[in-house]
Amino acid sequence: MHDVTCSECGVQTQVPFKPTEGRPVYCKDCYQKHKPKREGF
């Protein structure tokens, strides 16, 4: 697990992957707002 700061709300969280520099990382709540909408589900 990697410690990160959410790019949107600033909360400290952990992610199971190494963050890529230059790409936003979101906490669980913010990720739900940003994840792509899936059609047909």
PDB file of N, CA and C in Angstrom:
ATOM      1  N   MET A   1       0.851  -1.182   0.000  1.00  0.00           N
ATOM      2  CA  MET A   1       0.000   0.000   0.000  1.00  0.00           C
ATOM      3  C   MET A   1       0.897   1.246   0.000  1.00  0.00           C
ATOM      4  N   HIS A   2       0.401   2.284  -0.670  1.00  0.00           N
ATOM      5  CA  HIS A   2       1.160   3.527  -0.777  1.00  0.00           C
ATOM      6  C   HIS A   2       0.339   4.664  -0.184  1.00  0.00           C
ATOM      7  N   ASP A   3       0.982   5.464   0.675  1.00  0.00           N
ATOM      8  CA  ASP A   3       0.325   6.629   1.258  1.00  0.00           C
ATOM      9  C   ASP A   3       0.264   7.739   0.221  1.00  0.00           C
ATOM     10  N   VAL A   4      -0.925   8.322   0.052  1.00  0.00           N
ATOM     11  CA  VAL A   4      -1.120   9.410  -0.898  1.00  0.00           C
ATOM     12  C   VAL A   4      -2.058  10.454  -0.308  1.00  0.00           C
ATOM     13  N   THR A   5      -2.077  11.612  -0.938  1.00  0.00           N
ATOM     14  CA  THR A   5      -3.024  12.664  -0.600  1.00  0.00           C
ATOM     15  C   THR A   5      -3.992  12.787  -1.764  1.00  0.00           C
ATOM     16  N   CYS A   6      -5.273  12.760  -1.488  1.00  0.00           N
ATOM     17  CA  CYS A   6      -6.287  12.863  -2.527  1.00  0.00           C
ATOM     18  C   CYS A   6      -6.105  14.166  -3.297  1.00  0.00           C
ATOM     19  N   SER A   7      -6.130  14.080  -4.617  1.00  0.00           N
ATOM     20  CA  SER A   7      -5.937  15.250  -5.474  1.00  0.00           C
ATOM     21  C   SER A   7      -7.110  16.219  -5.407  1.00  0.00           C
ATOM     22  N   GLU A   8      -8.264  15.747  -4.972  1.00  0.00           N
ATOM     23  CA  GLU A   8      -9.432  16.619  -4.934  1.00  0.00           C
ATOM     24  C   GLU A   8      -9.684  17.216  -3.546  1.00  0.00           C
ATOM     25  N   CYS A   9      -9.785  16.362  -2.524  1.00  0.00           N
ATOM     26  CA  CYS A   9     -10.176  16.872  -1.200  1.00  0.00           C
ATOM     27  C   CYS A   9      -9.019  17.003  -0.224  1.00  0.00           C
ATOM     28  N   GLY A  10      -7.858  16.426  -0.560  1.00  0.00           N
ATOM     29  CA  GLY A  10      -6.670  16.599   0.280  1.00  0.00           C
ATOM     30  C   GLY A  10      -6.560  15.627   1.448  1.00  0.00           C
ATOM     31  N   VAL A  11      -7.460  14.659   1.559  1.00  0.00           N
ATOM     32  CA  VAL A  11      -7.417  13.705   2.665  1.00  0.00           C
ATOM     33  C   VAL A  11      -6.278  12.698   2.439  1.00  0.00           C
ATOM     34  N   GLN A  12      -5.651  12.263   3.518  1.00  0.00           N
ATOM     35  CA  GLN A  12      -4.610  11.234   3.441  1.00  0.00           C
ATOM     36  C   GLN A  12      -5.294   9.883   3.305  1.00  0.00           C
ATOM     37  N   THR A  13      -4.827   9.077   2.363  1.00  0.00           N
ATOM     38  CA  THR A  13      -5.404   7.752   2.144  1.00  0.00           C
ATOM     39  C   THR A  13      -4.314   6.817   1.642  1.00  0.00           C
ATOM     40  N   GLN A  14      -4.670   5.574   1.367  1.00  0.00           N
ATOM     41  CA  GLN A  14      -3.724   4.603   0.835  1.00  0.00           C
ATOM     42  C   GLN A  14      -4.314   3.972  -0.417  1.00  0.00           C
ATOM     43  N   VAL A  15      -3.427   3.688  -1.379  1.00  0.00           N
ATOM     44  CA  VAL A  15      -3.847   3.027  -2.609  1.00  0.00           C
ATOM     45  C   VAL A  15      -2.967   1.799  -2.813  1.00  0.00           C
ATOM     46  N   PRO A  16      -3.490   0.762  -3.489  1.00  0.00           N
ATOM     47  CA  PRO A  16      -2.733  -0.485  -3.666  1.00  0.00           C
ATOM     48  C   PRO A  16      -1.766  -0.459  -4.853  1.00  0.00           C
ATOM     49  N   PHE A  17      -1.556   0.724  -5.443  1.00  0.00           N
ATOM     50  CA  PHE A  17      -0.652   0.846  -6.585  1.00  0.00           C
ATOM     51  C   PHE A  17       0.282   2.020  -6.375  1.00  0.00           C
ATOM     52  N   LYS A  18       1.399   2.013  -7.084  1.00  0.00           N
ATOM     53  CA  LYS A  18       2.334   3.139  -6.993  1.00  0.00           C
ATOM     54  C   LYS A  18       1.800   4.267  -7.873  1.00  0.00           C
ATOM     55  N   PRO A  19       1.525   5.419  -7.292  1.00  0.00           N
ATOM     56  CA  PRO A  19       0.971   6.530  -8.079  1.00  0.00           C
ATOM     57  C   PRO A  19       1.940   6.978  -9.176  1.00  0.00           C
ATOM     58  N   THR A  20       1.387   7.333 -10.324  1.00  0.00           N
ATOM     59  CA  THR A  20       2.169   7.829 -11.448  1.00  0.00           C
ATOM     60  C   THR A  20       2.261   9.349 -11.333  1.00  0.00           C
ATOM     61  N   GLU A  21       3.464   9.877 -11.422  1.00  0.00           N
ATOM     62  CA  GLU A  21       3.653  11.322 -11.322  1.00  0.00           C
ATOM     63  C   GLU A  21       2.886  12.024 -12.435  1.00  0.00           C
ATOM     64  N   GLY A  22       2.203  13.105 -12.069  1.00  0.00           N
ATOM     65  CA  GLY A  22       1.445  13.863 -13.050  1.00  0.00           C
ATOM     66  C   GLY A  22       0.001  13.426 -13.219  1.00  0.00           C
ATOM     67  N   ARG A  23      -0.381  12.315 -12.585  1.00  0.00           N
ATOM     68  CA  ARG A  23      -1.766  11.839 -12.679  1.00  0.00           C
ATOM     69  C   ARG A  23      -2.442  12.006 -11.324  1.00  0.00           C
ATOM     70  N   PRO A  24      -3.695  12.430 -11.315  1.00  0.00           N
ATOM     71  CA  PRO A  24      -4.399  12.606 -10.046  1.00  0.00           C
ATOM     72  C   PRO A  24      -4.680  11.281  -9.352  1.00  0.00           C
ATOM     73  N   VAL A  25      -4.684  11.308  -8.028  1.00  0.00           N
ATOM     74  CA  VAL A  25      -5.028  10.145  -7.220  1.00  0.00           C
ATOM     75  C   VAL A  25      -6.155  10.576  -6.293  1.00  0.00           C
ATOM     76  N   TYR A  26      -7.212   9.783  -6.231  1.00  0.00           N
ATOM     77  CA  TYR A  26      -8.388  10.141  -5.444  1.00  0.00           C
ATOM     78  C   TYR A  26      -8.618   9.168  -4.297  1.00  0.00           C
ATOM     79  N   CYS A  27      -9.217   9.681  -3.221  1.00  0.00           N
ATOM     80  CA  CYS A  27      -9.663   8.821  -2.130  1.00  0.00           C
ATOM     81  C   CYS A  27     -10.897   8.058  -2.625  1.00  0.00           C
ATOM     82  N   LYS A  28     -11.370   7.131  -1.841  1.00  0.00           N
ATOM     83  CA  LYS A  28     -12.508   6.292  -2.241  1.00  0.00           C
ATOM     84  C   LYS A  28     -13.728   7.141  -2.598  1.00  0.00           C
ATOM     85  N   ASP A  29     -14.042   8.137  -1.789  1.00  0.00           N
ATOM     86  CA  ASP A  29     -15.237   8.956  -2.033  1.00  0.00           C
ATOM     87  C   ASP A  29     -15.113   9.779  -3.309  1.00  0.00           C
ATOM     88  N   CYS A  30     -13.957  10.419  -3.507  1.00  0.00           N
ATOM     89  CA  CYS A  30     -13.770  11.238  -4.705  1.00  0.00           C
ATOM     90  C   CYS A  30     -13.678  10.376  -5.953  1.00  0.00           C
ATOM     91  N   TYR A  31     -13.108   9.188  -5.832  1.00  0.00           N
ATOM     92  CA  TYR A  31     -13.021   8.281  -6.980  1.00  0.00           C
ATOM     93  C   TYR A  31     -14.420   7.932  -7.494  1.00  0.00           C
ATOM     94  N   GLN A  32     -15.346   7.726  -6.575  1.00  0.00           N
ATOM     95  CA  GLN A  32     -16.716   7.400  -6.973  1.00  0.00           C
ATOM     96  C   GLN A  32     -17.313   8.520  -7.820  1.00  0.00           C
ATOM     97  N   LYS A  33     -16.940   9.770  -7.549  1.00  0.00           N
ATOM     98  CA  LYS A  33     -17.444  10.909  -8.314  1.00  0.00           C
ATOM     99  C   LYS A  33     -16.795  10.990  -9.694  1.00  0.00           C
ATOM    100  N   HIS A  34     -15.544  10.524  -9.820  1.00  0.00           N
ATOM    101  CA  HIS A  34     -14.775  10.699 -11.047  1.00  0.00           C
ATOM    102  C   HIS A  34     -14.733   9.479 -11.951  1.00  0.00           C
ATOM    103  N   LYS A  35     -15.113   8.315 -11.444  1.00  0.00           N
ATOM    104  CA  LYS A  35     -14.992   7.113 -12.278  1.00  0.00           C
ATOM    105  C   LYS A  35     -15.922   7.222 -13.479  1.00  0.00           C
ATOM    106  N   PRO A  36     -15.511   6.664 -14.613  1.00  0.00           N
ATOM    107  CA  PRO A  36     -16.347   6.738 -15.821  1.00  0.00           C
ATOM    108  C   PRO A  36     -17.680   6.034 -15.620  1.00  0.00           C
ATOM    109  N   LYS A  37     -18.698   6.604 -16.214  1.00  0.00           N
ATOM    110  CA  LYS A  37     -20.027   5.987 -16.171  1.00  0.00           C
ATOM    111  C   LYS A  37     -20.029   4.776 -17.090  1.00  0.00           C
ATOM    112  N   ARG A  38     -20.589   3.672 -16.629  1.00  0.00           N
ATOM    113  CA  ARG A  38     -20.657   2.451 -17.451  1.00  0.00           C
ATOM    114  C   ARG A  38     -22.066   2.295 -17.984  1.00  0.00           C
ATOM    115  N   GLU A  39     -22.175   2.172 -19.271  1.00  0.00           N
ATOM    116  CA  GLU A  39     -23.474   2.017 -19.925  1.00  0.00           C
ATOM    117  C   GLU A  39     -23.952   0.568 -19.848  1.00  0.00           C
ATOM    118  N   GLY A  40     -25.252   0.384 -19.703  1.00  0.00           N
ATOM    119  CA  GLY A  40     -25.840  -0.936 -19.749  1.00  0.00           C
ATOM    120  C   GLY A  40     -25.747  -1.750 -18.467  1.00  0.00           C
ATOM    121  N   PHE A  41     -25.404  -1.135 -17.363  1.00  0.00           N
ATOM    122  CA  PHE A  41     -25.315  -1.876 -16.095  1.00  0.00           C
ATOM    123  C   PHE A  41     -26.280  -1.344 -15.085  1.00  0.00           C
TER     124      PHE A  41
END
